């Protein structure tokens, strides 16, 4: 039996992280437990921007460096979503 909750759309308009200020959109889902943790949450990112010197810079989600950045930001994004 699948006890996972269906994905929920999210938009974070500004999140300060150790890797920079980001703006991110996507969906997330988590296991049907008393409280979600980083290990049982799943993110699907559809848009990621980072603050550059001249404003927001859209990142190409298909590039390896962007994928690595998303992996590094997963914990901060999930923690932010859990606090909502």
N, C-alpha and C. Protein backbone atom coordinates (compact mmCIF):
# COMPACT_ATOMS: atom_id res chain seq x y z
N UNK A 1 0.83 -1.17 0.00
CA UNK A 1 0.00 0.00 0.00
C UNK A 1 0.89 1.24 0.00
N UNK A 2 0.56 2.22 -0.83
CA UNK A 2 1.33 3.45 -0.92
C UNK A 2 0.73 4.49 0.03
N UNK A 3 1.49 4.86 1.05
CA UNK A 3 1.02 5.83 2.03
C UNK A 3 1.55 7.23 1.77
N UNK A 4 2.20 7.44 0.64
CA UNK A 4 2.75 8.75 0.34
C UNK A 4 1.65 9.73 -0.01
N UNK A 5 1.85 10.97 0.39
CA UNK A 5 0.92 12.04 0.05
C UNK A 5 1.19 12.47 -1.39
N UNK A 6 0.17 12.95 -2.11
CA UNK A 6 0.40 13.41 -3.49
C UNK A 6 1.30 14.64 -3.49
N UNK A 7 2.00 14.88 -4.59
CA UNK A 7 2.89 16.06 -4.65
C UNK A 7 2.11 17.36 -4.46
N UNK A 8 2.75 18.30 -3.80
CA UNK A 8 2.19 19.63 -3.56
C UNK A 8 3.07 20.65 -4.26
N UNK A 9 2.44 21.53 -5.05
CA UNK A 9 3.19 22.59 -5.74
C UNK A 9 3.68 23.61 -4.71
N UNK A 10 4.85 24.18 -4.98
CA UNK A 10 5.39 25.22 -4.10
C UNK A 10 6.12 26.27 -4.91
N UNK A 11 6.17 27.47 -4.35
CA UNK A 11 6.96 28.57 -4.89
C UNK A 11 7.64 29.25 -3.71
N UNK A 12 8.94 29.36 -3.78
CA UNK A 12 9.71 30.10 -2.77
C UNK A 12 10.29 31.31 -3.50
N UNK A 13 9.83 32.49 -3.15
CA UNK A 13 10.22 33.69 -3.88
C UNK A 13 11.61 34.21 -3.51
N UNK A 14 12.09 33.83 -2.33
CA UNK A 14 13.43 34.25 -1.93
C UNK A 14 13.86 33.40 -0.74
N UNK A 15 14.99 32.73 -0.89
CA UNK A 15 15.52 31.89 0.18
C UNK A 15 17.02 32.13 0.28
N UNK A 16 17.46 32.61 1.44
CA UNK A 16 18.89 32.81 1.69
C UNK A 16 19.50 31.47 2.06
N UNK A 17 20.51 31.04 1.31
CA UNK A 17 21.20 29.79 1.59
C UNK A 17 22.70 30.07 1.67
N UNK A 18 23.48 29.13 2.17
CA UNK A 18 24.93 29.31 2.19
C UNK A 18 25.53 29.43 0.78
N UNK A 19 24.79 28.97 -0.24
CA UNK A 19 25.28 29.00 -1.61
C UNK A 19 24.77 30.20 -2.40
N UNK A 20 23.98 31.04 -1.76
CA UNK A 20 23.44 32.22 -2.43
C UNK A 20 21.96 32.37 -2.18
N UNK A 21 21.40 33.45 -2.70
CA UNK A 21 19.97 33.72 -2.58
C UNK A 21 19.28 33.09 -3.80
N UNK A 22 18.27 32.26 -3.54
CA UNK A 22 17.62 31.55 -4.64
C UNK A 22 16.12 31.82 -4.65
N UNK A 23 15.55 31.57 -5.84
CA UNK A 23 14.10 31.57 -6.05
C UNK A 23 13.83 30.23 -6.72
N UNK A 24 12.85 29.47 -6.21
CA UNK A 24 12.64 28.11 -6.71
C UNK A 24 11.15 27.77 -6.77
N UNK A 25 10.79 27.00 -7.79
CA UNK A 25 9.43 26.49 -7.95
C UNK A 25 9.49 25.01 -8.23
N UNK A 26 8.46 24.30 -7.84
CA UNK A 26 8.40 22.87 -8.13
C UNK A 26 7.30 22.19 -7.36
N UNK A 27 7.49 20.90 -7.13
CA UNK A 27 6.56 20.10 -6.34
C UNK A 27 7.35 19.32 -5.31
N UNK A 28 6.70 19.03 -4.19
CA UNK A 28 7.34 18.18 -3.20
C UNK A 28 6.31 17.23 -2.62
N UNK A 29 6.80 16.09 -2.19
CA UNK A 29 5.94 15.11 -1.53
C UNK A 29 6.73 14.50 -0.39
N UNK A 30 6.02 13.89 0.53
CA UNK A 30 6.66 13.31 1.69
C UNK A 30 5.85 12.10 2.13
N UNK A 31 6.50 11.25 2.89
CA UNK A 31 5.84 10.06 3.40
C UNK A 31 4.78 10.43 4.41
N UNK A 32 3.80 9.59 4.52
CA UNK A 32 2.68 9.80 5.43
C UNK A 32 3.08 9.37 6.84
N UNK A 33 3.91 10.21 7.49
CA UNK A 33 4.37 9.93 8.85
C UNK A 33 3.93 11.08 9.74
N UNK A 34 4.19 10.96 11.02
CA UNK A 34 3.80 12.01 11.96
C UNK A 34 4.48 13.33 11.59
N UNK A 35 5.76 13.28 11.27
CA UNK A 35 6.46 14.49 10.83
C UNK A 35 7.45 14.11 9.73
N UNK A 36 7.46 14.90 8.68
CA UNK A 36 8.36 14.64 7.56
C UNK A 36 9.79 15.01 7.95
N UNK A 37 10.74 14.30 7.37
CA UNK A 37 12.15 14.63 7.55
C UNK A 37 12.76 14.79 6.18
N UNK A 38 14.00 15.27 6.15
CA UNK A 38 14.67 15.43 4.87
C UNK A 38 14.79 14.11 4.12
N UNK A 39 14.90 13.01 4.83
CA UNK A 39 15.13 11.73 4.18
C UNK A 39 13.88 11.17 3.53
N UNK A 40 12.68 11.56 3.97
CA UNK A 40 11.49 11.01 3.35
C UNK A 40 10.75 12.04 2.49
N UNK A 41 11.35 13.19 2.24
CA UNK A 41 10.77 14.19 1.36
C UNK A 41 11.41 14.09 -0.02
N UNK A 42 10.59 14.32 -1.06
CA UNK A 42 11.09 14.28 -2.43
C UNK A 42 10.75 15.60 -3.13
N UNK A 43 11.74 16.18 -3.79
CA UNK A 43 11.56 17.44 -4.51
C UNK A 43 11.62 17.20 -6.01
N UNK A 44 10.81 17.96 -6.72
CA UNK A 44 10.88 18.01 -8.18
C UNK A 44 10.92 19.49 -8.54
N UNK A 45 12.08 19.97 -8.94
CA UNK A 45 12.29 21.39 -9.21
C UNK A 45 11.95 21.68 -10.66
N UNK A 46 11.10 22.70 -10.89
CA UNK A 46 10.73 23.08 -12.26
C UNK A 46 11.39 24.39 -12.68
N UNK A 47 11.84 25.19 -11.71
CA UNK A 47 12.48 26.47 -12.01
C UNK A 47 13.40 26.83 -10.85
N UNK A 48 14.61 27.27 -11.20
CA UNK A 48 15.58 27.69 -10.18
C UNK A 48 16.32 28.92 -10.68
N UNK A 49 16.26 29.98 -9.89
CA UNK A 49 16.98 31.21 -10.20
C UNK A 49 17.89 31.52 -9.01
N UNK A 50 19.01 32.17 -9.31
CA UNK A 50 19.92 32.59 -8.25
C UNK A 50 20.18 34.09 -8.43
N UNK A 51 20.33 34.78 -7.32
CA UNK A 51 20.56 36.22 -7.37
C UNK A 51 21.98 36.50 -7.84
N UNK A 52 22.07 37.21 -8.96
CA UNK A 52 23.36 37.64 -9.48
C UNK A 52 23.58 39.11 -9.13
N UNK A 53 24.64 39.67 -9.64
CA UNK A 53 24.94 41.08 -9.34
C UNK A 53 23.94 42.04 -9.99
N UNK A 54 23.29 41.60 -11.09
CA UNK A 54 22.33 42.45 -11.80
C UNK A 54 20.89 41.95 -11.67
N UNK A 55 20.61 41.09 -10.71
CA UNK A 55 19.26 40.57 -10.53
C UNK A 55 19.22 39.05 -10.65
N UNK A 56 18.01 38.51 -10.84
CA UNK A 56 17.82 37.07 -10.91
C UNK A 56 18.40 36.49 -12.19
N UNK A 57 19.06 35.34 -12.05
CA UNK A 57 19.63 34.61 -13.18
C UNK A 57 18.97 33.23 -13.21
N UNK A 58 18.26 32.93 -14.30
CA UNK A 58 17.61 31.62 -14.44
C UNK A 58 18.68 30.58 -14.74
N UNK A 59 18.61 29.44 -14.05
CA UNK A 59 19.58 28.37 -14.26
C UNK A 59 18.96 27.27 -15.11
N UNK A 60 19.75 26.70 -16.00
CA UNK A 60 19.31 25.61 -16.86
C UNK A 60 19.33 24.32 -16.04
N UNK A 61 18.15 23.75 -15.80
CA UNK A 61 18.03 22.59 -14.93
C UNK A 61 18.68 21.34 -15.51
N UNK A 62 19.02 21.36 -16.78
CA UNK A 62 19.62 20.18 -17.43
C UNK A 62 21.14 20.13 -17.30
N UNK A 63 21.74 21.24 -16.91
CA UNK A 63 23.20 21.29 -16.82
C UNK A 63 23.69 20.56 -15.57
N UNK A 64 24.81 19.84 -15.67
CA UNK A 64 25.34 19.10 -14.52
C UNK A 64 25.62 19.99 -13.30
N UNK A 65 26.13 21.19 -13.51
CA UNK A 65 26.42 22.07 -12.37
C UNK A 65 25.14 22.49 -11.66
N UNK A 66 24.06 22.70 -12.41
CA UNK A 66 22.78 23.05 -11.79
C UNK A 66 22.23 21.87 -11.01
N UNK A 67 22.35 20.67 -11.57
CA UNK A 67 21.89 19.46 -10.85
C UNK A 67 22.66 19.29 -9.55
N UNK A 68 23.96 19.55 -9.57
CA UNK A 68 24.78 19.45 -8.36
C UNK A 68 24.35 20.51 -7.34
N UNK A 69 24.03 21.71 -7.82
CA UNK A 69 23.57 22.77 -6.93
C UNK A 69 22.24 22.39 -6.28
N UNK A 70 21.32 21.82 -7.05
CA UNK A 70 20.03 21.39 -6.51
C UNK A 70 20.24 20.35 -5.42
N UNK A 71 21.14 19.41 -5.65
CA UNK A 71 21.43 18.39 -4.63
C UNK A 71 21.92 19.03 -3.34
N UNK A 72 22.77 20.05 -3.48
CA UNK A 72 23.31 20.72 -2.30
C UNK A 72 22.25 21.55 -1.57
N UNK A 73 21.24 22.02 -2.30
CA UNK A 73 20.21 22.88 -1.72
C UNK A 73 19.00 22.12 -1.20
N UNK A 74 18.90 20.83 -1.48
CA UNK A 74 17.72 20.05 -1.10
C UNK A 74 17.35 20.21 0.37
N UNK A 75 18.32 20.09 1.25
CA UNK A 75 18.04 20.16 2.69
C UNK A 75 17.45 21.52 3.06
N UNK A 76 18.04 22.60 2.57
CA UNK A 76 17.54 23.94 2.91
C UNK A 76 16.13 24.16 2.36
N UNK A 77 15.87 23.67 1.15
CA UNK A 77 14.54 23.84 0.55
C UNK A 77 13.49 23.06 1.34
N UNK A 78 13.79 21.81 1.67
CA UNK A 78 12.84 20.99 2.43
C UNK A 78 12.60 21.60 3.81
N UNK A 79 13.64 22.04 4.48
CA UNK A 79 13.46 22.65 5.81
C UNK A 79 12.56 23.87 5.72
N UNK A 80 12.75 24.68 4.68
CA UNK A 80 11.91 25.87 4.49
C UNK A 80 10.46 25.46 4.26
N UNK A 81 10.23 24.46 3.45
CA UNK A 81 8.87 24.01 3.15
C UNK A 81 8.19 23.43 4.39
N UNK A 82 8.94 22.75 5.22
CA UNK A 82 8.36 22.16 6.43
C UNK A 82 7.92 23.23 7.43
N UNK A 83 8.54 24.39 7.40
CA UNK A 83 8.22 25.46 8.35
C UNK A 83 6.96 26.22 7.96
N UNK A 84 6.49 26.03 6.74
CA UNK A 84 5.29 26.75 6.26
C UNK A 84 4.07 26.30 6.98
